[in-house]
C-alpha atoms as a PDB file:
ATOM      1  CA  MET A   1      -0.723  -4.065  26.051  1.00  0.00           C
ATOM      2  CA  GLN A   2       0.503  -4.033  29.632  1.00  0.00           C
ATOM      3  CA  ARG A   3      -1.020  -6.243  32.295  1.00  0.00           C
ATOM      4  CA  GLY A   4      -3.687  -4.212  34.073  1.00  0.00           C
ATOM      5  CA  SER A   5      -4.848  -4.027  37.662  1.00  0.00           C
ATOM      6  CA  ASP A   6      -7.288  -6.892  37.087  1.00  0.00           C
ATOM      7  CA  ASP A   7      -4.268  -9.107  36.234  1.00  0.00           C
ATOM      8  CA  LYS A   8      -5.834 -10.294  32.988  1.00  0.00           C
ATOM      9  CA  PRO A   9      -3.353 -11.596  30.421  1.00  0.00           C
ATOM     10  CA  ASN A  10      -2.751  -9.345  27.453  1.00  0.00           C
ATOM     11  CA  LEU A  11      -1.882 -10.313  23.881  1.00  0.00           C
ATOM     12  CA  VAL A  12       1.827 -10.656  24.638  1.00  0.00           C
ATOM     13  CA  ASP A  13       1.042 -12.933  27.595  1.00  0.00           C
ATOM     14  CA  LEU A  14      -1.194 -15.083  25.394  1.00  0.00           C
ATOM     15  CA  ALA A  15       1.541 -15.339  22.767  1.00  0.00           C
ATOM     16  CA  LYS A  16       4.094 -16.414  25.380  1.00  0.00           C
ATOM     17  CA  VAL A  17       1.843 -19.161  26.707  1.00  0.00           C
ATOM     18  CA  TRP A  18       1.025 -20.334  23.171  1.00  0.00           C
ATOM     19  CA  LEU A  19       4.724 -20.513  22.236  1.00  0.00           C
ATOM     20  CA  LYS A  20       5.559 -22.347  25.433  1.00  0.00           C
ATOM     21  CA  THR A  21       2.844 -24.909  24.734  1.00  0.00           C
ATOM     22  CA  ARG A  22       3.432 -25.213  20.976  1.00  0.00           C
ATOM     23  CA  TYR A  23       7.208 -25.651  21.166  1.00  0.00           C
ATOM     24  CA  ALA A  24       7.573 -27.057  24.712  1.00  0.00           C
ATOM     25  CA  LYS A  25       9.945 -24.224  25.567  1.00  0.00           C
ATOM     26  CA  PRO A  26      11.511 -24.378  29.040  1.00  0.00           C
ATOM     27  CA  GLY A  27      11.482 -21.392  31.384  1.00  0.00           C
ATOM     28  CA  ARG A  28      10.435 -17.897  30.428  1.00  0.00           C
ATOM     29  CA  VAL A  29       9.478 -17.128  26.832  1.00  0.00           C
ATOM     30  CA  PHE A  30      10.546 -14.018  24.914  1.00  0.00           C
ATOM     31  CA  VAL A  31       7.969 -12.145  22.835  1.00  0.00           C
ATOM     32  CA  GLY A  32       8.864  -8.733  21.466  1.00  0.00           C
ATOM     33  CA  MET A  33       6.195  -6.204  20.535  1.00  0.00           C
ATOM     34  CA  VAL A  34       7.486  -4.182  17.600  1.00  0.00           C
ATOM     35  CA  HIS A  35       4.418  -2.020  16.958  1.00  0.00           C
ATOM     36  CA  ARG A  36       1.039  -1.324  18.533  1.00  0.00           C
ATOM     37  CA  LEU A  37      -2.601  -0.868  17.660  1.00  0.00           C
ATOM     38  CA  ASP A  38      -4.929   1.459  19.533  1.00  0.00           C
ATOM     39  CA  ALA A  39      -7.021  -0.531  22.020  1.00  0.00           C
ATOM     40  CA  PRO A  40     -10.325  -0.182  20.061  1.00  0.00           C
ATOM     41  CA  VAL A  41      -8.680  -1.154  16.736  1.00  0.00           C
ATOM     42  CA  ALA A  42      -8.735  -4.744  15.433  1.00  0.00           C
ATOM     43  CA  GLY A  43      -6.410  -6.447  12.978  1.00  0.00           C
ATOM     44  CA  VAL A  44      -2.907  -7.658  12.189  1.00  0.00           C
ATOM     45  CA  LEU A  45      -0.228  -7.144  14.820  1.00  0.00           C
ATOM     46  CA  VAL A  46       3.448  -8.157  14.568  1.00  0.00           C
ATOM     47  CA  LEU A  47       5.225  -9.898  17.445  1.00  0.00           C
ATOM     48  CA  ALA A  48       8.824 -11.154  17.407  1.00  0.00           C
ATOM     49  CA  ARG A  49      10.071 -14.450  18.843  1.00  0.00           C
ATOM     50  CA  THR A  50      13.689 -13.318  19.342  1.00  0.00           C
ATOM     51  CA  SER A  51      15.413 -10.082  20.305  1.00  0.00           C
ATOM     52  CA  LYS A  52      17.293 -10.070  16.971  1.00  0.00           C
ATOM     53  CA  ALA A  53      14.026 -10.341  15.040  1.00  0.00           C
ATOM     54  CA  ALA A  54      12.475  -7.622  17.209  1.00  0.00           C
ATOM     55  CA  ALA A  55      15.352  -5.237  16.477  1.00  0.00           C
ATOM     56  CA  ARG A  56      15.276  -5.888  12.723  1.00  0.00           C
ATOM     57  CA  LEU A  57      11.485  -5.588  12.469  1.00  0.00           C
ATOM     58  CA  SER A  58      11.534  -2.384  14.536  1.00  0.00           C
ATOM     59  CA  ALA A  59      14.077  -0.978  12.066  1.00  0.00           C
ATOM     60  CA  GLN A  60      11.746  -1.822   9.172  1.00  0.00           C
ATOM     61  CA  PHE A  61       8.934   0.101  10.858  1.00  0.00           C
ATOM     62  CA  ARG A  62      11.186   3.106  11.535  1.00  0.00           C
ATOM     63  CA  GLU A  63      12.565   3.157   7.998  1.00  0.00           C
ATOM     64  CA  GLY A  64       9.203   2.758   6.247  1.00  0.00           C
ATOM     65  CA  GLY A  65       9.939  -0.711   4.925  1.00  0.00           C
ATOM     66  CA  ILE A  66       6.619  -2.159   6.083  1.00  0.00           C
ATOM     67  CA  VAL A  67       3.402  -1.573   4.130  1.00  0.00           C
ATOM     68  CA  LYS A  68       0.369  -1.155   6.405  1.00  0.00           C
ATOM     69  CA  THR A  69      -3.115  -1.132   4.892  1.00  0.00           C
ATOM     70  CA  TYR A  70      -6.252  -0.437   6.915  1.00  0.00           C
ATOM     71  CA  LEU A  71      -9.978  -0.545   6.299  1.00  0.00           C
ATOM     72  CA  ALA A  72     -12.155   2.135   7.844  1.00  0.00           C
ATOM     73  CA  VAL A  73     -15.917   2.583   7.922  1.00  0.00           C
ATOM     74  CA  VAL A  74     -16.438   6.336   8.098  1.00  0.00           C
ATOM     75  CA  GLN A  75     -19.283   8.736   8.573  1.00  0.00           C
ATOM     76  CA  GLY A  76     -20.308  10.410   5.319  1.00  0.00           C
ATOM     77  CA  ALA A  77     -18.131  10.279   2.212  1.00  0.00           C
ATOM     78  CA  PRO A  78     -14.797  11.829   1.183  1.00  0.00           C
ATOM     79  CA  PRO A  79     -14.851  14.571  -1.477  1.00  0.00           C
ATOM     80  CA  HIS A  80     -12.949  12.373  -3.957  1.00  0.00           C
ATOM     81  CA  SER A  81     -12.853   8.649  -4.658  1.00  0.00           C
ATOM     82  CA  SER A  82      -9.147   8.593  -3.807  1.00  0.00           C
ATOM     83  CA  GLY A  83      -6.592  10.992  -2.468  1.00  0.00           C
ATOM     84  CA  ARG A  84      -3.592  11.694  -0.285  1.00  0.00           C
ATOM     85  CA  LEU A  85      -3.749  13.533   3.039  1.00  0.00           C
ATOM     86  CA  VAL A  86      -0.768  15.357   4.533  1.00  0.00           C
ATOM     87  CA  HIS A  87      -1.025  17.218   7.841  1.00  0.00           C
ATOM     88  CA  GLN A  88       1.119  18.368  10.727  1.00  0.00           C
ATOM     89  CA  LEU A  89      -0.033  16.287  13.680  1.00  0.00           C
ATOM     90  CA  MET A  90       0.330  17.367  17.312  1.00  0.00           C
ATOM     91  CA  ARG A  91      -0.323  15.636  20.611  1.00  0.00           C
ATOM     92  CA  ALA A  92      -3.268  17.011  22.577  1.00  0.00           C
ATOM     93  CA  GLY A  93      -3.434  15.060  25.834  1.00  0.00           C
ATOM     94  CA  ARG A  94      -4.538  11.521  25.016  1.00  0.00           C
ATOM     95  CA  LEU A  95      -5.498  12.535  21.466  1.00  0.00           C
ATOM     96  CA  SER A  96      -3.820  14.079  18.439  1.00  0.00           C
ATOM     97  CA  ARG A  97      -4.870  17.183  16.573  1.00  0.00           C
ATOM     98  CA  ILE A  98      -4.136  18.815  13.237  1.00  0.00           C
ATOM     99  CA  ALA A  99      -1.903  21.886  13.498  1.00  0.00           C
ATOM    100  CA  ALA A 100      -2.953  25.086  11.769  1.00  0.00           C
ATOM    101  CA  ALA A 101      -2.059  25.440   8.088  1.00  0.00           C
ATOM    102  CA  GLY A 102       1.521  26.648   7.697  1.00  0.00           C
ATOM    103  CA  SER A 103       2.459  25.641  11.223  1.00  0.00           C
ATOM    104  CA  ALA A 104       5.938  24.216  11.789  1.00  0.00           C
ATOM    105  CA  GLU A 105       4.773  22.444  14.953  1.00  0.00           C
ATOM    106  CA  GLY A 106       4.122  18.730  15.254  1.00  0.00           C
ATOM    107  CA  GLN A 107       5.144  15.907  12.946  1.00  0.00           C
ATOM    108  CA  THR A 108       4.258  15.333   9.311  1.00  0.00           C
ATOM    109  CA  ALA A 109       1.537  12.692   8.895  1.00  0.00           C
ATOM    110  CA  ALA A 110       0.749  11.299   5.432  1.00  0.00           C
ATOM    111  CA  LEU A 111      -1.641   8.642   4.153  1.00  0.00           C
ATOM    112  CA  ALA A 112      -3.437   7.642   0.977  1.00  0.00           C
ATOM    113  CA  TYR A 113      -7.096   6.594   0.853  1.00  0.00           C
ATOM    114  CA  ARG A 114      -9.352   4.904  -1.672  1.00  0.00           C
ATOM    115  CA  LEU A 115     -13.147   4.705  -1.590  1.00  0.00           C
ATOM    116  CA  ILE A 116     -14.219   1.060  -1.831  1.00  0.00           C
ATOM    117  CA  ASP A 117     -17.975   1.306  -1.308  1.00  0.00           C
ATOM    118  CA  ARG A 118     -20.772   3.561  -0.064  1.00  0.00           C
ATOM    119  CA  GLN A 119     -24.104   3.013   1.568  1.00  0.00           C
ATOM    120  CA  ALA A 120     -26.563   5.210   3.450  1.00  0.00           C
ATOM    121  CA  GLY A 121     -24.629   7.671   5.554  1.00  0.00           C
ATOM    122  CA  GLN A 122     -21.305   5.860   5.547  1.00  0.00           C
ATOM    123  CA  SER A 123     -18.375   4.801   3.359  1.00  0.00           C
ATOM    124  CA  LEU A 124     -15.805   2.016   3.362  1.00  0.00           C
ATOM    125  CA  LEU A 125     -12.264   3.279   2.767  1.00  0.00           C
ATOM    126  CA  GLU A 126      -8.945   1.555   2.213  1.00  0.00           C
ATOM    127  CA  VAL A 127      -6.136   3.507   3.862  1.00  0.00           C
ATOM    128  CA  THR A 128      -2.408   3.047   3.296  1.00  0.00           C
ATOM    129  CA  LEU A 129      -0.115   4.669   5.834  1.00  0.00           C
ATOM    130  CA  GLU A 130       2.997   6.517   4.725  1.00  0.00           C
ATOM    131  CA  THR A 131       3.950   7.547   8.255  1.00  0.00           C
ATOM    132  CA  GLY A 132       3.138   6.055  11.641  1.00  0.00           C
ATOM    133  CA  ARG A 133       1.949   8.837  13.940  1.00  0.00           C
ATOM    134  CA  ARG A 134      -0.234   8.410  17.004  1.00  0.00           C
ATOM    135  CA  HIS A 135      -3.955   8.288  16.090  1.00  0.00           C
ATOM    136  CA  GLN A 136      -2.965   9.389  12.588  1.00  0.00           C
ATOM    137  CA  ILE A 137      -5.773   7.757  10.613  1.00  0.00           C
ATOM    138  CA  ARG A 138      -8.357   8.751  13.177  1.00  0.00           C
ATOM    139  CA  ALA A 139      -7.316  12.412  13.232  1.00  0.00           C
ATOM    140  CA  GLN A 140      -6.737  12.797   9.491  1.00  0.00           C
ATOM    141  CA  LEU A 141     -10.018  11.207   8.409  1.00  0.00           C
ATOM    142  CA  ALA A 142     -11.857  13.355  10.958  1.00  0.00           C
ATOM    143  CA  ALA A 143     -10.154  16.427   9.457  1.00  0.00           C
ATOM    144  CA  LEU A 144     -11.444  15.289   6.057  1.00  0.00           C
ATOM    145  CA  GLY A 145     -14.975  15.406   7.483  1.00  0.00           C
ATOM    146  CA  CYS A 146     -15.207  11.611   7.708  1.00  0.00           C
ATOM    147  CA  PRO A 147     -14.670  10.487  11.307  1.00  0.00           C
ATOM    148  CA  ILE A 148     -14.382   6.749  11.777  1.00  0.00           C
ATOM    149  CA  TRP A 149     -17.630   4.997  12.743  1.00  0.00           C
ATOM    150  CA  GLY A 150     -17.843   4.836  16.531  1.00  0.00           C
ATOM    151  CA  ASP A 151     -14.847   7.113  17.169  1.00  0.00           C
ATOM    152  CA  ARG A 152     -16.527   9.614  19.468  1.00  0.00           C
ATOM    153  CA  SER A 153     -13.140  11.052  20.486  1.00  0.00           C
ATOM    154  CA  TYR A 154     -12.757  12.419  16.951  1.00  0.00           C
ATOM    155  CA  GLY A 155     -16.289  13.560  16.299  1.00  0.00           C
ATOM    156  CA  ALA A 156     -18.249  10.459  15.269  1.00  0.00           C
ATOM    157  CA  LYS A 157     -21.914  10.413  16.239  1.00  0.00           C
ATOM    158  CA  GLN A 158     -22.253   6.634  16.547  1.00  0.00           C
ATOM    159  CA  VAL A 159     -21.376   4.289  19.386  1.00  0.00           C
ATOM    160  CA  LEU A 160     -20.098   0.731  18.926  1.00  0.00           C
ATOM    161  CA  PRO A 161     -20.009  -1.905  21.692  1.00  0.00           C
ATOM    162  CA  ASP A 162     -17.025  -1.928  24.085  1.00  0.00           C
ATOM    163  CA  GLY A 163     -15.775   1.405  22.766  1.00  0.00           C
ATOM    164  CA  ARG A 164     -14.702  -0.117  19.452  1.00  0.00           C
ATOM    165  CA  ILE A 165     -14.079   1.983  16.372  1.00  0.00           C
ATOM    166  CA  ALA A 166     -14.503   0.684  12.805  1.00  0.00           C
ATOM    167  CA  LEU A 167     -10.808   0.732  11.946  1.00  0.00           C
ATOM    168  CA  LEU A 168      -9.155  -2.546  10.951  1.00  0.00           C
ATOM    169  CA  ALA A 169      -5.454  -3.239  10.362  1.00  0.00           C
ATOM    170  CA  ALA A 170      -6.381  -5.413   7.407  1.00  0.00           C
ATOM    171  CA  ARG A 171      -3.071  -6.167   5.697  1.00  0.00           C
ATOM    172  CA  LEU A 172       0.616  -5.902   6.500  1.00  0.00           C
ATOM    173  CA  MET A 173       3.617  -6.644   4.268  1.00  0.00           C
ATOM    174  CA  LEU A 174       7.165  -6.953   5.571  1.00  0.00           C
ATOM    175  CA  THR A 175      10.505  -8.655   4.994  1.00  0.00           C
ATOM    176  CA  HIS A 176      11.283 -11.684   7.142  1.00  0.00           C
ATOM    177  CA  PRO A 177      13.882 -10.534   9.697  1.00  0.00           C
ATOM    178  CA  THR A 178      16.342 -13.386   9.051  1.00  0.00           C
ATOM    179  CA  ARG A 179      15.384 -15.055   5.760  1.00  0.00           C
ATOM    180  CA  GLU A 180      14.820 -11.722   3.983  1.00  0.00           C
ATOM    181  CA  SER A 181      11.813 -13.113   2.105  1.00  0.00           C
ATOM    182  CA  ALA A 182       8.693 -11.041   1.468  1.00  0.00           C
ATOM    183  CA  MET A 183       5.769 -11.805   3.796  1.00  0.00           C
ATOM    184  CA  ARG A 184       2.125 -10.722   3.617  1.00  0.00           C
ATOM    185  CA  PHE A 185      -0.488 -11.067   6.355  1.00  0.00           C
ATOM    186  CA  GLU A 186      -4.233 -10.383   6.109  1.00  0.00           C
ATOM    187  CA  THR A 187      -7.132 -10.734   8.492  1.00  0.00           C
ATOM    188  CA  PRO A 188     -10.870 -11.306   7.895  1.00  0.00           C
ATOM    189  CA  TRP A 189     -13.287  -8.669   9.083  1.00  0.00           C
ATOM    190  CA  PRO A 190     -14.079  -9.217  12.781  1.00  0.00           C
ATOM    191  CA  GLN A 191     -17.428 -10.154  14.269  1.00  0.00           C
ATOM    192  CA  GLY A 192     -19.601  -7.052  14.567  1.00  0.00           C
ATOM    193  CA  TRP A 193     -17.799  -5.167  11.771  1.00  0.00           C
ATOM    194  CA  PRO A 194     -20.360  -2.596  10.564  1.00  0.00           C
ATOM    195  CA  TRP A 195     -20.230  -3.452   6.882  1.00  0.00           C
ATOM    196  CA  PRO A 196     -21.598  -6.424   4.907  1.00  0.00           C
ATOM    197  CA  GLY A 197     -18.733  -8.811   4.244  1.00  0.00           C
ATOM    198  CA  PRO A 198     -17.846 -11.859   2.134  1.00  0.00           C
ATOM    199  CA  THR A 199     -18.097 -14.217   5.123  1.00  0.00           C
ATOM    200  CA  THR A 200     -20.847 -14.938   7.619  1.00  0.00           C
ATOM    201  CA  GLU A 201     -20.646 -13.547  11.133  1.00  0.00           C
ATOM    202  CA  CYS A 202     -19.837 -16.930  12.668  1.00  0.00           C
ATOM    203  CA  GLU A 203     -16.800 -17.336  10.382  1.00  0.00           C
ATOM    204  CA  ARG A 204     -15.215 -14.085  11.519  1.00  0.00           C
ATOM    205  CA  PRO A 205     -12.671 -13.721  14.358  1.00  0.00           C
ATOM    206  CA  LEU A 206     -13.505 -11.953  17.594  1.00  0.00           C
ATOM    207  CA  TRP A 207     -12.900  -8.210  17.591  1.00  0.00           C
ATOM    208  CA  THR A 208     -11.256  -7.712  21.003  1.00  0.00           C
ATOM    209  CA  ILE A 209      -9.431  -9.694  23.652  1.00  0.00           C
ATOM    210  CA  GLU A 210     -12.186  -8.727  26.089  1.00  0.00           C
ATOM    211  CA  GLU A 211     -14.545 -10.991  24.149  1.00  0.00           C
ATOM    212  CA  LEU A 212     -12.234 -13.918  24.895  1.00  0.00           C
ATOM    213  CA  TYR A 213     -12.530 -13.151  28.598  1.00  0.00           C
ATOM    214  CA  ARG A 214     -16.310 -13.026  28.377  1.00  0.00           C
ATOM    215  CA  GLN A 215     -16.310 -16.413  26.656  1.00  0.00           C
ATOM    216  CA  GLY A 216     -14.408 -17.909  29.562  1.00  0.00           C
ATOM    217  CA  LEU A 217     -10.755 -17.733  28.482  1.00  0.00           C
ATOM    218  CA  VAL A 218      -8.693 -19.320  31.243  1.00  0.00           C
ATOM    219  CA  LEU A 219      -4.968 -19.927  30.964  1.00  0.00           C
ATOM    220  CA  PRO A 220      -3.357 -22.676  33.069  1.00  0.00           C
ATOM    221  CA  GLU A 221      -1.729 -20.795  35.950  1.00  0.00           C
ATOM    222  CA  SER A 222       1.331 -23.058  35.910  1.00  0.00           C
ATOM    223  CA  LEU A 223       2.008 -22.251  32.254  1.00  0.00           C
ATOM    224  CA  VAL A 224       1.513 -18.528  32.854  1.00  0.00           C
ATOM    225  CA  ARG A 225       3.989 -18.518  35.741  1.00  0.00           C
ATOM    226  CA  GLU A 226       6.610 -20.395  33.718  1.00  0.00           C
ATOM    227  CA  ALA A 227       6.144 -18.425  30.503  1.00  0.00           C
ATOM    228  CA  LEU A 228       6.240 -14.985  32.139  1.00  0.00           C
END
């Protein structure tokens, strides 16, 4: 999510410029990132407009007060139509790996999955996270024998464009940081999602920010300078 060497704006930059334009905010604009998605993953992401909101939302993530539900297209099929996976997860360079059974190393990673549909050679799963470890869903589903479609780093045989993997942060439920009301956010399946969906391809959002660049996204330089 950091600005790269090509100086392209990232999601936080885009949010700052949008807020500056939408609310005519003077000077620099604050946007707090309270959680992250892996670069090849699409879906719902939470940003905060104030430092107080960022702190309170971050606390919800740390304390398990936010419900995160994902969809994953996986290779093959799980052994059961639903289940719970618990592993000890360890960092292995840029990836994560499952520690040996009985090992006290790493951090506990837990999730629940439910089989939604199957078709030739692949399955659509709904995954609910209980913990928030790095690459948790990717590593745990691969350990189940069902690597995520396109996730070559964890054993998938397929390749998707732009290095995408078929993992979608589909739904997120949280408590508003100041009003304390329940909030629920969902996203449609993105364009190119490798599963037949309820909407046509043209009605779906783009999968990655890179697609915006390819379609000619240009931000007014004056707004970027002021917002950042």
